[in-house]
C-alpha atoms as a PDB file:
ATOM      1  CA  MET A   1       0.203  -7.473  38.757  1.00  0.00           C
ATOM      2  CA  ARG A   2       2.466  -9.635  36.592  1.00  0.00           C
ATOM      3  CA  LYS A   3      -0.602 -11.227  35.056  1.00  0.00           C
ATOM      4  CA  ALA A   4      -2.022  -7.816  34.241  1.00  0.00           C
ATOM      5  CA  PHE A   5       1.247  -6.792  32.564  1.00  0.00           C
ATOM      6  CA  LYS A   6       1.279 -10.055  30.627  1.00  0.00           C
ATOM      7  CA  VAL A   7      -2.292  -9.518  29.400  1.00  0.00           C
ATOM      8  CA  ALA A   8      -1.460  -5.926  28.445  1.00  0.00           C
ATOM      9  CA  GLY A   9       1.582  -7.152  26.530  1.00  0.00           C
ATOM     10  CA  ILE A  10      -0.471  -9.724  24.669  1.00  0.00           C
ATOM     11  CA  LEU A  11      -3.100  -7.110  23.783  1.00  0.00           C
ATOM     12  CA  ALA A  12      -0.431  -4.659  22.603  1.00  0.00           C
ATOM     13  CA  GLY A  13       1.192  -7.353  20.502  1.00  0.00           C
ATOM     14  CA  GLY A  14      -2.166  -8.244  19.021  1.00  0.00           C
ATOM     15  CA  LEU A  15      -2.841  -4.632  18.111  1.00  0.00           C
ATOM     16  CA  VAL A  16       0.549  -4.388  16.412  1.00  0.00           C
ATOM     17  CA  VAL A  17      -0.191  -7.525  14.386  1.00  0.00           C
ATOM     18  CA  LEU A  18      -3.605  -6.166  13.399  1.00  0.00           C
ATOM     19  CA  ALA A  19      -2.095  -2.833  12.376  1.00  0.00           C
ATOM     20  CA  LEU A  20       0.589  -4.502  10.285  1.00  0.00           C
ATOM     21  CA  GLY A  21      -2.039  -6.707   8.698  1.00  0.00           C
ATOM     22  CA  ALA A  22      -4.192  -3.703   7.835  1.00  0.00           C
ATOM     23  CA  ILE A  23      -1.190  -1.954   6.273  1.00  0.00           C
ATOM     24  CA  LEU A  24      -0.353  -4.986   4.154  1.00  0.00           C
ATOM     25  CA  VAL A  25      -3.951  -5.395   3.055  1.00  0.00           C
ATOM     26  CA  SER A  26      -4.332  -1.713   2.173  1.00  0.00           C
ATOM     27  CA  GLY A  27      -1.095  -1.663   0.214  1.00  0.00           C
ATOM     28  CA  GLY A  28      -1.953  -4.931  -1.499  1.00  0.00           C
ATOM     29  CA  VAL A  29      -5.376  -3.670  -2.536  1.00  0.00           C
ATOM     30  CA  GLY A  30      -3.787  -0.573  -4.061  1.00  0.00           C
ATOM     31  CA  TYR A  31      -1.277  -2.681  -5.971  1.00  0.00           C
ATOM     32  CA  ILE A  32      -3.962  -4.989  -7.350  1.00  0.00           C
ATOM     33  CA  ASP A  33      -6.222  -2.060  -8.258  1.00  0.00           C
ATOM     34  CA  ALA A  34      -3.446  -0.357 -10.212  1.00  0.00           C
ATOM     35  CA  ARG A  35      -2.690  -3.484 -12.195  1.00  0.00           C
ATOM     36  CA  SER A  36      -6.406  -3.898 -12.885  1.00  0.00           C
ATOM     37  CA  ASP A  37      -6.602  -0.281 -14.103  1.00  0.00           C
ATOM     38  CA  ALA A  38      -3.386  -0.538 -16.117  1.00  0.00           C
ATOM     39  CA  ASP A  39      -4.823  -1.227 -19.582  1.00  0.00           C
ATOM     40  CA  GLN A  40      -7.174   1.745 -19.379  1.00  0.00           C
ATOM     41  CA  LEU A  41      -4.488   4.025 -17.978  1.00  0.00           C
ATOM     42  CA  ARG A  42      -1.961   2.899 -20.586  1.00  0.00           C
ATOM     43  CA  ALA A  43      -4.392   3.751 -23.376  1.00  0.00           C
ATOM     44  CA  ARG A  44      -5.074   7.136 -21.788  1.00  0.00           C
ATOM     45  CA  ALA A  45      -1.371   7.881 -21.450  1.00  0.00           C
ATOM     46  CA  ASP A  46      -0.595   6.870 -25.021  1.00  0.00           C
ATOM     47  CA  ALA A  47      -3.399   9.141 -26.270  1.00  0.00           C
ATOM     48  CA  LEU A  48      -1.956  12.064 -24.286  1.00  0.00           C
ATOM     49  CA  ILE A  49       1.503  11.420 -25.706  1.00  0.00           C
ATOM     50  CA  ALA A  50       0.112  11.246 -29.251  1.00  0.00           C
ATOM     51  CA  GLN A  51      -1.648  14.585 -28.646  1.00  0.00           C
ATOM     52  CA  GLY A  52       1.622  16.212 -27.612  1.00  0.00           C
ATOM     53  CA  ARG A  53       0.696  16.396 -23.919  1.00  0.00           C
ATOM     54  CA  GLY A  54       3.369  14.154 -22.447  1.00  0.00           C
ATOM     55  CA  ALA A  55       6.863  14.877 -21.152  1.00  0.00           C
ATOM     56  CA  ASP A  56       8.539  14.273 -24.520  1.00  0.00           C
ATOM     57  CA  GLN A  57       7.035  17.533 -25.748  1.00  0.00           C
ATOM     58  CA  LEU A  58       9.155  19.391 -23.187  1.00  0.00           C
ATOM     59  CA  SER A  59      12.775  20.178 -23.900  1.00  0.00           C
ATOM     60  CA  ALA A  60      15.493  18.121 -22.230  1.00  0.00           C
ATOM     61  CA  ARG A  61      16.288  21.111 -20.024  1.00  0.00           C
ATOM     62  CA  GLN A  62      12.653  21.497 -18.999  1.00  0.00           C
ATOM     63  CA  ARG A  63      12.409  17.817 -18.068  1.00  0.00           C
ATOM     64  CA  GLU A  64      15.603  18.186 -16.072  1.00  0.00           C
ATOM     65  CA  ILE A  65      14.142  21.123 -14.127  1.00  0.00           C
ATOM     66  CA  LEU A  66      10.808  19.391 -13.530  1.00  0.00           C
ATOM     67  CA  LEU A  67      12.374  16.211 -12.175  1.00  0.00           C
ATOM     68  CA  ALA A  68      15.023  18.019 -10.119  1.00  0.00           C
ATOM     69  CA  VAL A  69      12.250  19.754  -8.207  1.00  0.00           C
ATOM     70  CA  GLU A  70       9.490  17.152  -8.097  1.00  0.00           C
ATOM     71  CA  ASP A  71      11.227  13.767  -8.040  1.00  0.00           C
ATOM     72  CA  PRO A  72      15.028  13.787  -8.448  1.00  0.00           C
ATOM     73  CA  ASN A  73      15.306   9.986  -8.593  1.00  0.00           C
ATOM     74  CA  PHE A  74      12.222   9.339 -10.737  1.00  0.00           C
ATOM     75  CA  ALA A  75      14.142   7.520 -13.473  1.00  0.00           C
ATOM     76  CA  GLU A  76      15.577   5.003 -11.015  1.00  0.00           C
ATOM     77  CA  HIS A  77      13.020   4.268  -8.292  1.00  0.00           C
ATOM     78  CA  SER A  78      10.121   1.788  -8.452  1.00  0.00           C
ATOM     79  CA  GLY A  79       7.425   4.137  -7.193  1.00  0.00           C
ATOM     80  CA  VAL A  80       8.758   5.103  -3.770  1.00  0.00           C
ATOM     81  CA  ASP A  81      11.884   6.924  -2.606  1.00  0.00           C
ATOM     82  CA  PHE A  82      12.910   7.323   1.021  1.00  0.00           C
ATOM     83  CA  SER A  83      16.399   8.752   0.699  1.00  0.00           C
ATOM     84  CA  THR A  84      17.020  11.184  -2.175  1.00  0.00           C
ATOM     85  CA  PRO A  85      17.553  14.783  -0.952  1.00  0.00           C
ATOM     86  CA  GLY A  86      14.505  16.901  -1.765  1.00  0.00           C
ATOM     87  CA  ALA A  87      12.344  13.906  -2.671  1.00  0.00           C
ATOM     88  CA  GLY A  88       9.955  14.144   0.267  1.00  0.00           C
ATOM     89  CA  LEU A  89       7.328  11.529   0.996  1.00  0.00           C
ATOM     90  CA  THR A  90       5.553  11.619  -2.380  1.00  0.00           C
ATOM     91  CA  THR A  91       7.111  10.602  -5.686  1.00  0.00           C
ATOM     92  CA  ILE A  92       5.673  11.541  -9.071  1.00  0.00           C
ATOM     93  CA  THR A  93       4.158   8.056  -9.307  1.00  0.00           C
ATOM     94  CA  GLN A  94       2.533   8.385  -5.891  1.00  0.00           C
ATOM     95  CA  SER A  95       1.282  11.852  -6.816  1.00  0.00           C
ATOM     96  CA  ALA A  96      -0.327  10.487  -9.975  1.00  0.00           C
ATOM     97  CA  SER A  97      -1.763   7.562  -8.003  1.00  0.00           C
ATOM     98  CA  LYS A  98      -3.514   9.939  -5.609  1.00  0.00           C
ATOM     99  CA  ARG A  99      -5.603  11.295  -8.484  1.00  0.00           C
ATOM    100  CA  LEU A 100      -5.877   8.198 -10.665  1.00  0.00           C
ATOM    101  CA  GLY A 101      -6.697   5.632  -8.005  1.00  0.00           C
ATOM    102  CA  PHE A 102      -9.054   7.500  -5.644  1.00  0.00           C
ATOM    103  CA  ASP A 103     -12.459   9.104  -5.962  1.00  0.00           C
ATOM    104  CA  LYS A 104     -11.599  10.971  -2.773  1.00  0.00           C
ATOM    105  CA  PHE A 105      -8.208  10.609  -1.135  1.00  0.00           C
ATOM    106  CA  ARG A 106      -8.049  10.374   2.653  1.00  0.00           C
ATOM    107  CA  PRO A 107      -4.750  10.297   4.596  1.00  0.00           C
ATOM    108  CA  GLY A 108      -3.821   7.428   6.887  1.00  0.00           C
ATOM    109  CA  PHE A 109      -4.445   4.080   5.257  1.00  0.00           C
ATOM    110  CA  GLY A 110      -5.152   6.019   2.067  1.00  0.00           C
ATOM    111  CA  LYS A 111      -1.422   6.792   1.910  1.00  0.00           C
ATOM    112  CA  ILE A 112      -0.635   3.088   2.201  1.00  0.00           C
ATOM    113  CA  ARG A 113      -3.053   2.232  -0.603  1.00  0.00           C
ATOM    114  CA  GLN A 114      -1.595   5.121  -2.625  1.00  0.00           C
ATOM    115  CA  THR A 115       1.872   3.621  -2.257  1.00  0.00           C
ATOM    116  CA  GLY A 116       0.625   0.188  -3.286  1.00  0.00           C
ATOM    117  CA  TYR A 117      -1.097   1.757  -6.294  1.00  0.00           C
ATOM    118  CA  ALA A 118       2.154   3.497  -7.246  1.00  0.00           C
ATOM    119  CA  LEU A 119       4.056   0.216  -7.104  1.00  0.00           C
ATOM    120  CA  GLY A 120       1.364  -1.363  -9.274  1.00  0.00           C
ATOM    121  CA  LEU A 121       1.604   1.441 -11.836  1.00  0.00           C
ATOM    122  CA  GLU A 122       5.362   1.069 -12.012  1.00  0.00           C
ATOM    123  CA  SER A 123       4.970  -2.649 -12.666  1.00  0.00           C
ATOM    124  CA  LYS A 124       2.677  -2.158 -15.675  1.00  0.00           C
ATOM    125  CA  LEU A 125       3.332   1.286 -17.194  1.00  0.00           C
ATOM    126  CA  THR A 126       6.456   2.925 -18.554  1.00  0.00           C
ATOM    127  CA  LYS A 127       7.982   5.999 -16.970  1.00  0.00           C
ATOM    128  CA  LYS A 128       6.927   7.973 -20.052  1.00  0.00           C
ATOM    129  CA  GLN A 129       3.306   6.885 -19.595  1.00  0.00           C
ATOM    130  CA  ILE A 130       3.329   7.692 -15.867  1.00  0.00           C
ATOM    131  CA  LEU A 131       4.742  11.157 -16.560  1.00  0.00           C
ATOM    132  CA  ALA A 132       2.049  11.851 -19.161  1.00  0.00           C
ATOM    133  CA  LEU A 133      -0.728  10.897 -16.710  1.00  0.00           C
ATOM    134  CA  TRP A 134       0.866  12.936 -13.942  1.00  0.00           C
ATOM    135  CA  LEU A 135       1.252  16.044 -16.094  1.00  0.00           C
ATOM    136  CA  ASP A 136      -2.352  15.784 -17.264  1.00  0.00           C
ATOM    137  CA  THR A 137      -3.790  15.534 -13.738  1.00  0.00           C
ATOM    138  CA  LEU A 138      -1.676  18.144 -11.935  1.00  0.00           C
ATOM    139  CA  GLU A 139      -3.521  20.864 -10.051  1.00  0.00           C
ATOM    140  CA  MET A 140      -2.194  24.227 -11.199  1.00  0.00           C
ATOM    141  CA  GLY A 141      -4.120  26.786  -9.176  1.00  0.00           C
ATOM    142  CA  LYS A 142      -6.890  29.231  -9.911  1.00  0.00           C
ATOM    143  CA  GLY A 143      -7.372  30.435 -13.473  1.00  0.00           C
ATOM    144  CA  PRO A 144      -9.737  32.908 -15.137  1.00  0.00           C
ATOM    145  CA  ASP A 145     -12.385  30.224 -15.595  1.00  0.00           C
ATOM    146  CA  GLY A 146     -11.885  28.316 -12.352  1.00  0.00           C
ATOM    147  CA  TRP A 147      -9.413  25.745 -11.073  1.00  0.00           C
ATOM    148  CA  MET A 148      -6.778  24.750 -13.618  1.00  0.00           C
ATOM    149  CA  VAL A 149      -5.843  21.101 -14.096  1.00  0.00           C
ATOM    150  CA  GLY A 150      -3.024  19.842 -16.282  1.00  0.00           C
ATOM    151  CA  PHE A 151       0.474  21.246 -16.771  1.00  0.00           C
ATOM    152  CA  HIS A 152       0.179  21.726 -20.530  1.00  0.00           C
ATOM    153  CA  ASN A 153      -3.273  23.222 -20.136  1.00  0.00           C
ATOM    154  CA  ALA A 154      -2.004  25.738 -17.580  1.00  0.00           C
ATOM    155  CA  SER A 155       0.809  26.800 -19.897  1.00  0.00           C
ATOM    156  CA  THR A 156      -1.717  27.628 -22.600  1.00  0.00           C
ATOM    157  CA  VAL A 157      -4.090  29.398 -20.212  1.00  0.00           C
ATOM    158  CA  VAL A 158      -1.419  31.435 -18.409  1.00  0.00           C
ATOM    159  CA  TYR A 159       1.017  32.204 -21.213  1.00  0.00           C
ATOM    160  CA  GLY A 160      -0.935  31.476 -24.384  1.00  0.00           C
ATOM    161  CA  ARG A 161       1.828  29.148 -25.582  1.00  0.00           C
ATOM    162  CA  PRO A 162       2.788  25.463 -25.294  1.00  0.00           C
ATOM    163  CA  ALA A 163       5.121  24.670 -22.411  1.00  0.00           C
ATOM    164  CA  ALA A 164       7.946  23.839 -24.835  1.00  0.00           C
ATOM    165  CA  ASP A 165       7.868  27.453 -26.085  1.00  0.00           C
ATOM    166  CA  LEU A 166       8.189  29.072 -22.654  1.00  0.00           C
ATOM    167  CA  SER A 167      11.279  30.837 -21.403  1.00  0.00           C
ATOM    168  CA  GLU A 168      13.067  29.098 -18.551  1.00  0.00           C
ATOM    169  CA  ALA A 169      11.749  31.669 -16.074  1.00  0.00           C
ATOM    170  CA  GLU A 170       8.164  31.136 -17.252  1.00  0.00           C
ATOM    171  CA  PHE A 171       8.530  27.374 -17.093  1.00  0.00           C
ATOM    172  CA  ILE A 172       9.962  27.541 -13.580  1.00  0.00           C
ATOM    173  CA  ARG A 173       6.969  29.588 -12.394  1.00  0.00           C
ATOM    174  CA  LEU A 174       4.676  26.774 -13.562  1.00  0.00           C
ATOM    175  CA  VAL A 175       6.813  24.218 -11.725  1.00  0.00           C
ATOM    176  CA  ALA A 176       6.908  26.416  -8.627  1.00  0.00           C
ATOM    177  CA  VAL A 177       3.157  26.234  -8.001  1.00  0.00           C
ATOM    178  CA  LEU A 178       3.025  22.426  -7.936  1.00  0.00           C
ATOM    179  CA  ILE A 179       3.926  22.126  -4.258  1.00  0.00           C
ATOM    180  CA  ALA A 180       0.884  24.181  -3.136  1.00  0.00           C
ATOM    181  CA  PRO A 181      -1.241  25.396  -6.081  1.00  0.00           C
ATOM    182  CA  ALA A 182      -3.779  27.196  -3.902  1.00  0.00           C
ATOM    183  CA  ALA A 183      -1.028  29.293  -2.303  1.00  0.00           C
ATOM    184  CA  TYR A 184       0.213  30.968  -5.485  1.00  0.00           C
ATOM    185  CA  ASP A 185      -1.210  33.146  -8.255  1.00  0.00           C
ATOM    186  CA  LEU A 186       0.272  32.550 -11.688  1.00  0.00           C
ATOM    187  CA  PHE A 187      -1.569  35.597 -13.012  1.00  0.00           C
ATOM    188  CA  ASN A 188       0.033  37.965 -10.513  1.00  0.00           C
ATOM    189  CA  ALA A 189       3.547  38.941 -11.545  1.00  0.00           C
ATOM    190  CA  GLN A 190       3.951  40.544  -8.115  1.00  0.00           C
ATOM    191  CA  ASP A 191       3.191  37.400  -6.113  1.00  0.00           C
ATOM    192  CA  ASP A 192       6.167  37.543  -3.752  1.00  0.00           C
ATOM    193  CA  LYS A 193       5.690  33.986  -2.469  1.00  0.00           C
ATOM    194  CA  LEU A 194       5.704  32.594  -6.010  1.00  0.00           C
ATOM    195  CA  SER A 195       8.735  34.707  -6.903  1.00  0.00           C
ATOM    196  CA  GLU A 196      10.625  33.372  -3.860  1.00  0.00           C
ATOM    197  CA  ARG A 197       9.728  29.769  -4.678  1.00  0.00           C
ATOM    198  CA  SER A 198      10.799  30.329  -8.292  1.00  0.00           C
ATOM    199  CA  ALA A 199      14.089  31.886  -7.177  1.00  0.00           C
ATOM    200  CA  ARG A 200      14.872  28.850  -5.035  1.00  0.00           C
ATOM    201  CA  ILE A 201      14.248  26.571  -8.016  1.00  0.00           C
ATOM    202  CA  GLU A 202      16.444  28.757 -10.225  1.00  0.00           C
ATOM    203  CA  ARG A 203      19.300  28.430  -7.738  1.00  0.00           C
ATOM    204  CA  LEU A 204      18.750  24.666  -7.478  1.00  0.00           C
ATOM    205  CA  VAL A 205      18.862  23.990 -11.225  1.00  0.00           C
ATOM    206  CA  ALA A 206      21.808  26.342 -11.653  1.00  0.00           C
ATOM    207  CA  GLY A 207      23.760  24.126  -9.241  1.00  0.00           C
ATOM    208  CA  ALA A 208      24.147  26.948  -6.726  1.00  0.00           C
ATOM    209  CA  CYS A 209      22.512  25.024  -3.872  1.00  0.00           C
ATOM    210  CA  SER A 210      21.009  21.674  -2.913  1.00  0.00           C
ATOM    211  CA  PRO A 211      18.090  20.479  -0.780  1.00  0.00           C
ATOM    212  CA  ALA A 212      18.805  20.345   2.950  1.00  0.00           C
ATOM    213  CA  GLY A 213      17.982  16.655   3.253  1.00  0.00           C
ATOM    214  CA  PHE A 214      15.301  14.210   2.176  1.00  0.00           C
ATOM    215  CA  SER A 215      12.309  16.180   3.465  1.00  0.00           C
ATOM    216  CA  ASP A 216      13.360  19.574   2.059  1.00  0.00           C
ATOM    217  CA  VAL A 217      10.645  19.818  -0.610  1.00  0.00           C
ATOM    218  CA  TRP A 218      10.333  23.570   0.065  1.00  0.00           C
ATOM    219  CA  LEU A 219      14.026  23.935  -0.866  1.00  0.00           C
ATOM    220  CA  ASP A 220      15.015  25.730   2.298  1.00  0.00           C
ATOM    221  CA  GLY A 221      18.562  24.766   1.370  1.00  0.00           C
ATOM    222  CA  CYS A 222      18.185  27.108  -1.611  1.00  0.00           C
ATOM    223  CA  ALA A 223      16.753  30.093   0.252  1.00  0.00           C
ATOM    224  CA  GLN A 224      18.488  33.397  -0.408  1.00  0.00           C
ATOM    225  CA  PRO A 225      20.975  34.057   2.416  1.00  0.00           C
ATOM    226  CA  ALA A 226      20.050  37.011   4.599  1.00  0.00           C
ATOM    227  CA  GLN A 227      21.854  40.201   3.625  1.00  0.00           C
END
């Protein structure tokens, strides 16, 4: 019996070592791939910025709102964040990596490679460049001509104006869909779910509430109290 337990322990230990090895390899591959892709991605980001499709084209207030909702510690972290309230498991850099570094993203080890890719991006690109790539690849929901991609593009399609020219309420509605673009309808002013999400963001950026912990990406801490 003791021998059987010993063998089982050795096998379990071996499986743990193999799993850790696979995680390191997957993350390492993502990191190397991002650094290999960096020159091309840098050129793409700089072109977007020159075309007025980066984050600099937004007002300071709009950038503040965007980061407060999507990645509160974006300016400080190196691609990952496991502690900031409201940050959740995916930073802006990881979000961009999911679309830039994969033909088809699959969870599991894909998340590990995604994280490695994010770390690689942070080591080679500036925050401004990463933001431009992220904004350009964001899924924004269904539009009149099919699925909308790109934050600036969605602003033009939905409102007929550049994002910098939107009212704060209009801008917040664009930000609100990012968490689940298929769940909201930017063309329906009566979309109650979108209105509730937008209201939570409005309370957050007004300083009237705060996320209820690290994983509170839905901003339950900013839900309207029951009457």
